[in-house]
Amino acid sequence: MDKSKSYMYIALTIALLVGAYAALSYVNTYSASVEPSSFRSFTVTAQGKVVAVPDVAEFDFSVVTEGGKDVGSLQKANTEKMNKAIDFIKSSGIEAKDVKTSGYSINPRYQYYNCGQTLTSGTVQPCPPAEIVGYTVTQNVDVKIRDFSKIGDLLSGVVKNGANAVSQLQFTIDDPEKARNDARADAIAKAKVQAEEIADAAGFSVGRLLSVDESGYSPLYYDSIRSVKMESAMGSPAVPAPSIEPGSEEVSVTVNLRYEIK
């Protein structure tokens, strides 16, 4: 009987010890997962930079056709000119996926009259309603160029092949996230070094990373030529293609790393 009681006391003692250990483990786990603001902490800030070179040039061109009230004839004439310009673009090595119609519109043109004139009799001349005298058909196409050596020829060539205007030449990269990720990685690496240097100078150790904040991202945008206009209205010759230099752009990301002080 005494033996049984001894075993029972031992079992109870073990159970109490296991329970105490479990409670202690829970407290430690909970304390490690509470709001980071309860820790003594410090923050480091660093900026990462990369130089990105654009790999895509973009521009748009338009075919505008004005005429009378026969909309069908205007559409046909506009389509023929646009198809000729697009055929030229594709024959120059631009893939179909890089040629996109961005707009198509048919707008009326009105004849307005002088209204409100006082006649010699003292009465006011009635104002007739505006009258539609014709229509304007406009089609816009966006083009991406991946071979920059073709830019000048394409800009002038679409005008020679039916486009009325070329505009909004700009330079970008196909994957801007890669440049941003590279700049972020550079910023984080610098911040980590800075955190260790601060800790060494202040006589403490760097603990867990509590938070990461990102700010100050400079968007990737290139604009060597803000707008290139090459009108070919009334049969005038196209302006010679300009010399295009895409240049490069510095992309930067700023990060704030907050560490626990050990």
C-alpha atoms as a PDB file:
ATOM      1  CA  MET A   1       0.000   0.000   0.000  1.00  0.00           C
ATOM      2  CA  ASP A   2       2.863   2.368   0.925  1.00  0.00           C
ATOM      3  CA  LYS A   3       4.481   1.413  -2.336  1.00  0.00           C
ATOM      4  CA  SER A   4       1.348   2.417  -4.252  1.00  0.00           C
ATOM      5  CA  LYS A   5       1.271   5.766  -2.491  1.00  0.00           C
ATOM      6  CA  SER A   6       4.907   6.391  -3.330  1.00  0.00           C
ATOM      7  CA  TYR A   7       4.248   5.661  -6.984  1.00  0.00           C
ATOM      8  CA  MET A   8       1.221   7.963  -6.894  1.00  0.00           C
ATOM      9  CA  TYR A   9       3.304  10.794  -5.356  1.00  0.00           C
ATOM     10  CA  ILE A  10       6.025  10.304  -7.948  1.00  0.00           C
ATOM     11  CA  ALA A  11       3.468  10.356 -10.779  1.00  0.00           C
ATOM     12  CA  LEU A  12       1.843  13.467  -9.335  1.00  0.00           C
ATOM     13  CA  THR A  13       5.215  15.186  -8.984  1.00  0.00           C
ATOM     14  CA  ILE A  14       6.114  14.343 -12.593  1.00  0.00           C
ATOM     15  CA  ALA A  15       2.712  15.620 -13.773  1.00  0.00           C
ATOM     16  CA  LEU A  16       3.223  18.893 -11.878  1.00  0.00           C
ATOM     17  CA  LEU A  17       6.713  19.313 -13.344  1.00  0.00           C
ATOM     18  CA  VAL A  18       5.444  18.639 -16.893  1.00  0.00           C
ATOM     19  CA  GLY A  19       2.596  21.100 -16.358  1.00  0.00           C
ATOM     20  CA  ALA A  20       4.969  23.745 -15.025  1.00  0.00           C
ATOM     21  CA  TYR A  21       7.326  23.230 -17.979  1.00  0.00           C
ATOM     22  CA  ALA A  22       4.419  23.471 -20.426  1.00  0.00           C
ATOM     23  CA  ALA A  23       3.213  26.681 -18.770  1.00  0.00           C
ATOM     24  CA  LEU A  24       6.709  28.151 -18.848  1.00  0.00           C
ATOM     25  CA  SER A  25       7.102  27.222 -22.518  1.00  0.00           C
ATOM     26  CA  TYR A  26       3.747  28.836 -23.291  1.00  0.00           C
ATOM     27  CA  VAL A  27       4.738  32.037 -21.487  1.00  0.00           C
ATOM     28  CA  ASN A  28       8.042  32.190 -23.347  1.00  0.00           C
ATOM     29  CA  THR A  29       6.361  31.532 -26.680  1.00  0.00           C
ATOM     30  CA  TYR A  30       3.685  34.123 -25.976  1.00  0.00           C
ATOM     31  CA  SER A  31       6.215  36.712 -24.848  1.00  0.00           C
ATOM     32  CA  ALA A  32       8.186  36.167 -28.031  1.00  0.00           C
ATOM     33  CA  SER A  33       5.109  36.699 -30.184  1.00  0.00           C
ATOM     34  CA  VAL A  34       3.651  39.787 -28.524  1.00  0.00           C
ATOM     35  CA  GLU A  35       3.547  43.143 -30.262  1.00  0.00           C
ATOM     36  CA  PRO A  36       7.127  44.052 -31.270  1.00  0.00           C
ATOM     37  CA  SER A  37       6.686  47.494 -29.700  1.00  0.00           C
ATOM     38  CA  SER A  38       7.230  45.867 -26.299  1.00  0.00           C
ATOM     39  CA  PHE A  39      10.853  45.120 -27.252  1.00  0.00           C
ATOM     40  CA  ARG A  40      13.718  47.526 -26.953  1.00  0.00           C
ATOM     41  CA  SER A  41      14.502  48.161 -30.579  1.00  0.00           C
ATOM     42  CA  PHE A  42      16.342  50.389 -33.013  1.00  0.00           C
ATOM     43  CA  THR A  43      15.777  51.252 -36.683  1.00  0.00           C
ATOM     44  CA  VAL A  44      18.219  51.605 -39.557  1.00  0.00           C
ATOM     45  CA  THR A  45      17.492  53.229 -42.912  1.00  0.00           C
ATOM     46  CA  ALA A  46      19.334  52.605 -46.163  1.00  0.00           C
ATOM     47  CA  GLN A  47      18.850  53.376 -49.821  1.00  0.00           C
ATOM     48  CA  GLY A  48      19.616  50.950 -52.619  1.00  0.00           C
ATOM     49  CA  LYS A  49      20.258  52.056 -56.195  1.00  0.00           C
ATOM     50  CA  VAL A  50      20.614  50.385 -59.576  1.00  0.00           C
ATOM     51  CA  VAL A  51      21.128  51.869 -63.015  1.00  0.00           C
ATOM     52  CA  ALA A  52      18.569  50.494 -65.462  1.00  0.00           C
ATOM     53  CA  VAL A  53      18.839  50.713 -69.220  1.00  0.00           C
ATOM     54  CA  PRO A  54      15.540  50.733 -71.159  1.00  0.00           C
ATOM     55  CA  ASP A  55      14.910  47.823 -73.456  1.00  0.00           C
ATOM     56  CA  VAL A  56      11.605  48.931 -75.017  1.00  0.00           C
ATOM     57  CA  ALA A  57      10.663  52.073 -76.941  1.00  0.00           C
ATOM     58  CA  GLU A  58       6.983  52.922 -77.331  1.00  0.00           C
ATOM     59  CA  PHE A  59       5.196  55.364 -79.616  1.00  0.00           C
ATOM     60  CA  ASP A  60       1.747  55.806 -81.112  1.00  0.00           C
ATOM     61  CA  PHE A  61       0.619  56.963 -84.504  1.00  0.00           C
ATOM     62  CA  SER A  62      -2.723  58.046 -85.922  1.00  0.00           C
ATOM     63  CA  VAL A  63      -4.625  58.032 -89.199  1.00  0.00           C
ATOM     64  CA  VAL A  64      -7.258  60.778 -89.345  1.00  0.00           C
ATOM     65  CA  THR A  65      -9.685  60.909 -92.295  1.00  0.00           C
ATOM     66  CA  GLU A  66     -12.147  63.788 -92.757  1.00  0.00           C
ATOM     67  CA  GLY A  67     -14.894  63.995 -95.344  1.00  0.00           C
ATOM     68  CA  GLY A  68     -18.607  64.247 -96.031  1.00  0.00           C
ATOM     69  CA  LYS A  69     -21.534  62.287 -94.703  1.00  0.00           C
ATOM     70  CA  ASP A  70     -20.646  58.980 -96.355  1.00  0.00           C
ATOM     71  CA  VAL A  71     -19.223  57.303 -93.253  1.00  0.00           C
ATOM     72  CA  GLY A  72     -18.636  54.003 -95.050  1.00  0.00           C
ATOM     73  CA  SER A  73     -16.324  55.630 -97.611  1.00  0.00           C
ATOM     74  CA  LEU A  74     -14.423  57.442 -94.852  1.00  0.00           C
ATOM     75  CA  GLN A  75     -13.968  54.222 -92.894  1.00  0.00           C
ATOM     76  CA  LYS A  76     -12.737  52.416 -95.982  1.00  0.00           C
ATOM     77  CA  ALA A  77     -10.206  55.145 -96.809  1.00  0.00           C
ATOM     78  CA  ASN A  78      -9.024  55.263 -93.178  1.00  0.00           C
ATOM     79  CA  THR A  79      -8.672  51.483 -92.951  1.00  0.00           C
ATOM     80  CA  GLU A  80      -6.672  51.296 -96.185  1.00  0.00           C
ATOM     81  CA  LYS A  81      -4.186  53.897 -94.915  1.00  0.00           C
ATOM     82  CA  MET A  82      -3.924  52.280 -91.490  1.00  0.00           C
ATOM     83  CA  ASN A  83      -3.454  48.790 -92.937  1.00  0.00           C
ATOM     84  CA  LYS A  84      -0.656  50.110 -95.123  1.00  0.00           C
ATOM     85  CA  ALA A  85       1.066  51.684 -92.118  1.00  0.00           C
ATOM     86  CA  ILE A  86       0.657  48.511 -90.015  1.00  0.00           C
ATOM     87  CA  ASP A  87       1.938  46.332 -92.867  1.00  0.00           C
ATOM     88  CA  PHE A  88       5.022  48.546 -92.996  1.00  0.00           C
ATOM     89  CA  ILE A  89       5.497  48.193 -89.219  1.00  0.00           C
ATOM     90  CA  LYS A  90       5.258  44.390 -89.345  1.00  0.00           C
ATOM     91  CA  SER A  91       7.466  44.123 -92.437  1.00  0.00           C
ATOM     92  CA  SER A  92      10.110  46.015 -90.471  1.00  0.00           C
ATOM     93  CA  GLY A  93      10.352  43.158 -87.980  1.00  0.00           C
ATOM     94  CA  ILE A  94       7.865  44.291 -85.307  1.00  0.00           C
ATOM     95  CA  GLU A  95       5.887  41.330 -83.924  1.00  0.00           C
ATOM     96  CA  ALA A  96       2.077  41.363 -83.969  1.00  0.00           C
ATOM     97  CA  LYS A  97       1.960  41.284 -80.141  1.00  0.00           C
ATOM     98  CA  ASP A  98       3.752  44.653 -80.090  1.00  0.00           C
ATOM     99  CA  VAL A  99       1.209  46.410 -82.343  1.00  0.00           C
ATOM    100  CA  LYS A 100      -2.063  47.346 -80.647  1.00  0.00           C
ATOM    101  CA  THR A 101      -5.042  49.458 -81.723  1.00  0.00           C
ATOM    102  CA  SER A 102      -5.559  51.900 -78.851  1.00  0.00           C
ATOM    103  CA  GLY A 103      -8.470  53.907 -80.218  1.00  0.00           C
ATOM    104  CA  TYR A 104     -11.045  54.123 -82.990  1.00  0.00           C
ATOM    105  CA  SER A 105     -13.637  56.886 -83.259  1.00  0.00           C
ATOM    106  CA  ILE A 106     -16.149  58.395 -85.691  1.00  0.00           C
ATOM    107  CA  ASN A 107     -17.052  61.983 -84.808  1.00  0.00           C
ATOM    108  CA  PRO A 108     -19.460  64.352 -86.573  1.00  0.00           C
ATOM    109  CA  ARG A 109     -18.340  67.737 -87.890  1.00  0.00           C
ATOM    110  CA  TYR A 110     -20.858  70.557 -87.430  1.00  0.00           C
ATOM    111  CA  GLN A 111     -21.658  73.764 -89.272  1.00  0.00           C
ATOM    112  CA  TYR A 112     -22.545  76.495 -86.780  1.00  0.00           C
ATOM    113  CA  TYR A 113     -24.363  79.731 -87.564  1.00  0.00           C
ATOM    114  CA  ASN A 114     -24.190  83.309 -86.309  1.00  0.00           C
ATOM    115  CA  CYS A 115     -27.034  83.729 -83.857  1.00  0.00           C
ATOM    116  CA  GLY A 116     -28.625  86.518 -81.904  1.00  0.00           C
ATOM    117  CA  GLN A 117     -28.170  89.319 -84.487  1.00  0.00           C
ATOM    118  CA  THR A 118     -30.734  92.130 -84.312  1.00  0.00           C
ATOM    119  CA  LEU A 119     -32.452  92.861 -87.644  1.00  0.00           C
ATOM    120  CA  THR A 120     -33.342  96.358 -88.868  1.00  0.00           C
ATOM    121  CA  SER A 121     -36.928  95.667 -87.849  1.00  0.00           C
ATOM    122  CA  GLY A 122     -35.799  95.306 -84.270  1.00  0.00           C
ATOM    123  CA  THR A 123     -36.428  91.604 -84.076  1.00  0.00           C
ATOM    124  CA  VAL A 124     -33.725  89.086 -83.196  1.00  0.00           C
ATOM    125  CA  GLN A 125     -32.667  86.726 -85.985  1.00  0.00           C
ATOM    126  CA  PRO A 126     -33.543  83.117 -85.022  1.00  0.00           C
ATOM    127  CA  CYS A 127     -30.642  80.723 -84.611  1.00  0.00           C
ATOM    128  CA  PRO A 128     -30.887  77.527 -86.697  1.00  0.00           C
ATOM    129  CA  PRO A 129     -29.596  74.337 -85.087  1.00  0.00           C
ATOM    130  CA  ALA A 130     -26.066  73.209 -85.853  1.00  0.00           C
ATOM    131  CA  GLU A 131     -25.939  70.987 -88.910  1.00  0.00           C
ATOM    132  CA  ILE A 132     -23.796  67.906 -89.461  1.00  0.00           C
ATOM    133  CA  VAL A 133     -21.783  68.475 -92.620  1.00  0.00           C
ATOM    134  CA  GLY A 134     -19.454  65.488 -92.403  1.00  0.00           C
ATOM    135  CA  TYR A 135     -17.547  63.059 -90.232  1.00  0.00           C
ATOM    136  CA  THR A 136     -14.004  62.441 -89.006  1.00  0.00           C
ATOM    137  CA  VAL A 137     -12.677  58.905 -88.604  1.00  0.00           C
ATOM    138  CA  THR A 138      -9.660  58.503 -86.312  1.00  0.00           C
ATOM    139  CA  GLN A 139      -7.679  55.372 -85.560  1.00  0.00           C
ATOM    140  CA  ASN A 140      -4.735  55.170 -83.122  1.00  0.00           C
ATOM    141  CA  VAL A 141      -2.154  52.407 -82.842  1.00  0.00           C
ATOM    142  CA  ASP A 142       0.505  51.813 -80.162  1.00  0.00           C
ATOM    143  CA  VAL A 143       3.814  50.224 -81.157  1.00  0.00           C
ATOM    144  CA  LYS A 144       6.603  48.690 -79.061  1.00  0.00           C
ATOM    145  CA  ILE A 145      10.118  48.598 -80.503  1.00  0.00           C
ATOM    146  CA  ARG A 146      12.703  46.242 -79.030  1.00  0.00           C
ATOM    147  CA  ASP A 147      15.437  46.929 -81.579  1.00  0.00           C
ATOM    148  CA  PHE A 148      16.372  50.581 -81.056  1.00  0.00           C
ATOM    149  CA  SER A 149      18.266  50.756 -84.339  1.00  0.00           C
ATOM    150  CA  LYS A 150      14.870  50.720 -86.100  1.00  0.00           C
ATOM    151  CA  ILE A 151      13.314  53.646 -84.212  1.00  0.00           C
ATOM    152  CA  GLY A 152      14.171  56.430 -86.647  1.00  0.00           C
ATOM    153  CA  ASP A 153      13.084  54.491 -89.738  1.00  0.00           C
ATOM    154  CA  LEU A 154       9.821  53.424 -88.109  1.00  0.00           C
ATOM    155  CA  LEU A 155       8.915  56.940 -86.972  1.00  0.00           C
ATOM    156  CA  SER A 156       9.345  58.397 -90.440  1.00  0.00           C
ATOM    157  CA  GLY A 157       8.174  55.275 -92.282  1.00  0.00           C
ATOM    158  CA  VAL A 158       4.668  55.157 -90.784  1.00  0.00           C
ATOM    159  CA  VAL A 159       4.128  58.744 -91.934  1.00  0.00           C
ATOM    160  CA  LYS A 160       5.234  57.892 -95.466  1.00  0.00           C
ATOM    161  CA  ASN A 161       2.810  54.975 -95.376  1.00  0.00           C
ATOM    162  CA  GLY A 162      -0.359  56.826 -94.412  1.00  0.00           C
ATOM    163  CA  ALA A 163      -0.144  58.019 -90.800  1.00  0.00           C
ATOM    164  CA  ASN A 164      -1.046  61.649 -90.093  1.00  0.00           C
ATOM    165  CA  ALA A 165       0.962  62.002 -86.889  1.00  0.00           C
ATOM    166  CA  VAL A 166       3.463  60.204 -84.677  1.00  0.00           C
ATOM    167  CA  SER A 167       3.715  61.160 -81.009  1.00  0.00           C
ATOM    168  CA  GLN A 168       4.571  60.201 -77.421  1.00  0.00           C
ATOM    169  CA  LEU A 169       7.874  58.436 -77.932  1.00  0.00           C
ATOM    170  CA  GLN A 170       9.081  57.111 -74.579  1.00  0.00           C
ATOM    171  CA  PHE A 171      11.426  54.484 -73.201  1.00  0.00           C
ATOM    172  CA  THR A 172      10.671  51.848 -70.567  1.00  0.00           C
ATOM    173  CA  ILE A 173      11.775  48.368 -69.602  1.00  0.00           C
ATOM    174  CA  ASP A 174       9.703  45.226 -70.011  1.00  0.00           C
ATOM    175  CA  ASP A 175      10.216  44.054 -66.430  1.00  0.00           C
ATOM    176  CA  PRO A 176      10.396  47.089 -64.096  1.00  0.00           C
ATOM    177  CA  GLU A 177       9.970  44.834 -61.044  1.00  0.00           C
ATOM    178  CA  LYS A 178      13.414  43.321 -61.613  1.00  0.00           C
ATOM    179  CA  ALA A 179      15.053  46.744 -61.310  1.00  0.00           C
ATOM    180  CA  ARG A 180      13.009  47.467 -58.180  1.00  0.00           C
ATOM    181  CA  ASN A 181      13.892  44.093 -56.631  1.00  0.00           C
ATOM    182  CA  ASP A 182      17.592  44.649 -57.316  1.00  0.00           C
ATOM    183  CA  ALA A 183      17.448  48.107 -55.713  1.00  0.00           C
ATOM    184  CA  ARG A 184      15.578  46.697 -52.708  1.00  0.00           C
ATOM    185  CA  ALA A 185      18.131  43.907 -52.236  1.00  0.00           C
ATOM    186  CA  ASP A 186      20.918  46.485 -52.333  1.00  0.00           C
ATOM    187  CA  ALA A 187      19.120  48.626 -49.737  1.00  0.00           C
ATOM    188  CA  ILE A 188      18.524  45.692 -47.361  1.00  0.00           C
ATOM    189  CA  ALA A 189      22.152  44.552 -47.607  1.00  0.00           C
ATOM    190  CA  LYS A 190      23.336  48.067 -46.721  1.00  0.00           C
ATOM    191  CA  ALA A 191      20.835  48.289 -43.832  1.00  0.00           C
ATOM    192  CA  LYS A 192      22.059  44.994 -42.343  1.00  0.00           C
ATOM    193  CA  VAL A 193      25.663  46.191 -42.371  1.00  0.00           C
ATOM    194  CA  GLN A 194      24.605  49.485 -40.812  1.00  0.00           C
ATOM    195  CA  ALA A 195      22.689  47.660 -38.045  1.00  0.00           C
ATOM    196  CA  GLU A 196      25.762  45.584 -37.102  1.00  0.00           C
ATOM    197  CA  GLU A 197      27.990  48.678 -37.075  1.00  0.00           C
ATOM    198  CA  ILE A 198      25.572  50.557 -34.794  1.00  0.00           C
ATOM    199  CA  ALA A 199      25.299  47.580 -32.446  1.00  0.00           C
ATOM    200  CA  ASP A 200      29.100  47.199 -32.226  1.00  0.00           C
ATOM    201  CA  ALA A 201      29.537  50.915 -31.526  1.00  0.00           C
ATOM    202  CA  ALA A 202      26.803  50.954 -28.865  1.00  0.00           C
ATOM    203  CA  GLY A 203      27.850  47.700 -27.183  1.00  0.00           C
ATOM    204  CA  PHE A 204      24.829  45.506 -27.791  1.00  0.00           C
ATOM    205  CA  SER A 205      23.886  42.665 -30.127  1.00  0.00           C
ATOM    206  CA  VAL A 206      21.422  42.746 -33.007  1.00  0.00           C
ATOM    207  CA  GLY A 207      18.349  40.687 -32.215  1.00  0.00           C
ATOM    208  CA  ARG A 208      15.453  39.558 -34.361  1.00  0.00           C
ATOM    209  CA  LEU A 209      14.233  41.566 -37.330  1.00  0.00           C
ATOM    210  CA  LEU A 210      10.917  43.028 -36.158  1.00  0.00           C
ATOM    211  CA  SER A 211       9.699  44.908 -39.234  1.00  0.00           C
ATOM    212  CA  VAL A 212      10.595  45.996 -42.735  1.00  0.00           C
ATOM    213  CA  ASP A 213       9.197  49.139 -44.342  1.00  0.00           C
ATOM    214  CA  GLU A 214       9.813  50.311 -47.880  1.00  0.00           C
ATOM    215  CA  SER A 215       9.568  53.886 -49.106  1.00  0.00           C
ATOM    216  CA  GLY A 216      11.010  56.304 -51.590  1.00  0.00           C
ATOM    217  CA  TYR A 217      10.681  54.110 -54.669  1.00  0.00           C
ATOM    218  CA  SER A 218      11.519  56.102 -57.770  1.00  0.00           C
ATOM    219  CA  PRO A 219       9.329  54.854 -60.642  1.00  0.00           C
ATOM    220  CA  LEU A 220      11.058  53.696 -63.768  1.00  0.00           C
ATOM    221  CA  TYR A 221      10.248  56.136 -66.547  1.00  0.00           C
ATOM    222  CA  TYR A 222      12.265  57.270 -69.499  1.00  0.00           C
ATOM    223  CA  ASP A 223      11.343  60.141 -71.754  1.00  0.00           C
ATOM    224  CA  SER A 224      14.185  61.180 -74.027  1.00  0.00           C
ATOM    225  CA  ILE A 225      11.747  62.842 -76.408  1.00  0.00           C
ATOM    226  CA  ARG A 226       8.491  63.921 -74.836  1.00  0.00           C
ATOM    227  CA  SER A 227       6.619  64.207 -78.118  1.00  0.00           C
ATOM    228  CA  VAL A 228       7.639  63.712 -81.731  1.00  0.00           C
ATOM    229  CA  LYS A 229       5.195  65.169 -84.243  1.00  0.00           C
ATOM    230  CA  MET A 230       5.634  64.421 -87.925  1.00  0.00           C
ATOM    231  CA  GLU A 231       2.622  65.683 -89.807  1.00  0.00           C
ATOM    232  CA  SER A 232       1.936  64.570 -93.364  1.00  0.00           C
ATOM    233  CA  ALA A 233      -1.323  66.418 -93.941  1.00  0.00           C
ATOM    234  CA  MET A 234      -2.060  67.909 -97.365  1.00  0.00           C
ATOM    235  CA  GLY A 235       0.604  65.676 -98.910  1.00  0.00           C
ATOM    236  CA  SER A 236       3.564  67.471 -97.318  1.00  0.00           C
ATOM    237  CA  PRO A 237       6.704  65.322 -96.957  1.00  0.00           C
ATOM    238  CA  ALA A 238       7.485  63.665 -93.630  1.00  0.00           C
ATOM    239  CA  VAL A 239      10.030  65.265 -91.343  1.00  0.00           C
ATOM    240  CA  PRO A 240      13.340  63.342 -91.316  1.00  0.00           C
ATOM    241  CA  ALA A 241      13.617  60.861 -88.476  1.00  0.00           C
ATOM    242  CA  PRO A 242      15.364  62.262 -85.383  1.00  0.00           C
ATOM    243  CA  SER A 243      18.405  60.690 -83.774  1.00  0.00           C
ATOM    244  CA  ILE A 244      17.171  58.835 -80.688  1.00  0.00           C
ATOM    245  CA  GLU A 245      19.227  58.218 -77.532  1.00  0.00           C
ATOM    246  CA  PRO A 246      17.404  56.169 -74.846  1.00  0.00           C
ATOM    247  CA  GLY A 247      19.934  56.892 -72.070  1.00  0.00           C
ATOM    248  CA  SER A 248      19.552  55.277 -68.643  1.00  0.00           C
ATOM    249  CA  GLU A 249      17.854  55.950 -65.338  1.00  0.00           C
ATOM    250  CA  GLU A 250      18.767  55.414 -61.685  1.00  0.00           C
ATOM    251  CA  VAL A 251      16.152  53.430 -59.761  1.00  0.00           C
ATOM    252  CA  SER A 252      16.203  53.747 -55.974  1.00  0.00           C
ATOM    253  CA  VAL A 253      14.390  52.074 -53.071  1.00  0.00           C
ATOM    254  CA  THR A 254      14.629  53.109 -49.407  1.00  0.00           C
ATOM    255  CA  VAL A 255      14.056  50.540 -46.651  1.00  0.00           C
ATOM    256  CA  ASN A 256      13.660  50.856 -42.887  1.00  0.00           C
ATOM    257  CA  LEU A 257      14.648  47.769 -40.868  1.00  0.00           C
ATOM    258  CA  ARG A 258      13.666  47.564 -37.197  1.00  0.00           C
ATOM    259  CA  TYR A 259      15.689  45.193 -35.005  1.00  0.00           C
ATOM    260  CA  GLU A 260      15.357  43.941 -31.438  1.00  0.00           C
ATOM    261  CA  ILE A 261      18.173  45.020 -29.116  1.00  0.00           C
ATOM    262  CA  LYS A 262      19.816  42.062 -27.367  1.00  0.00           C
END
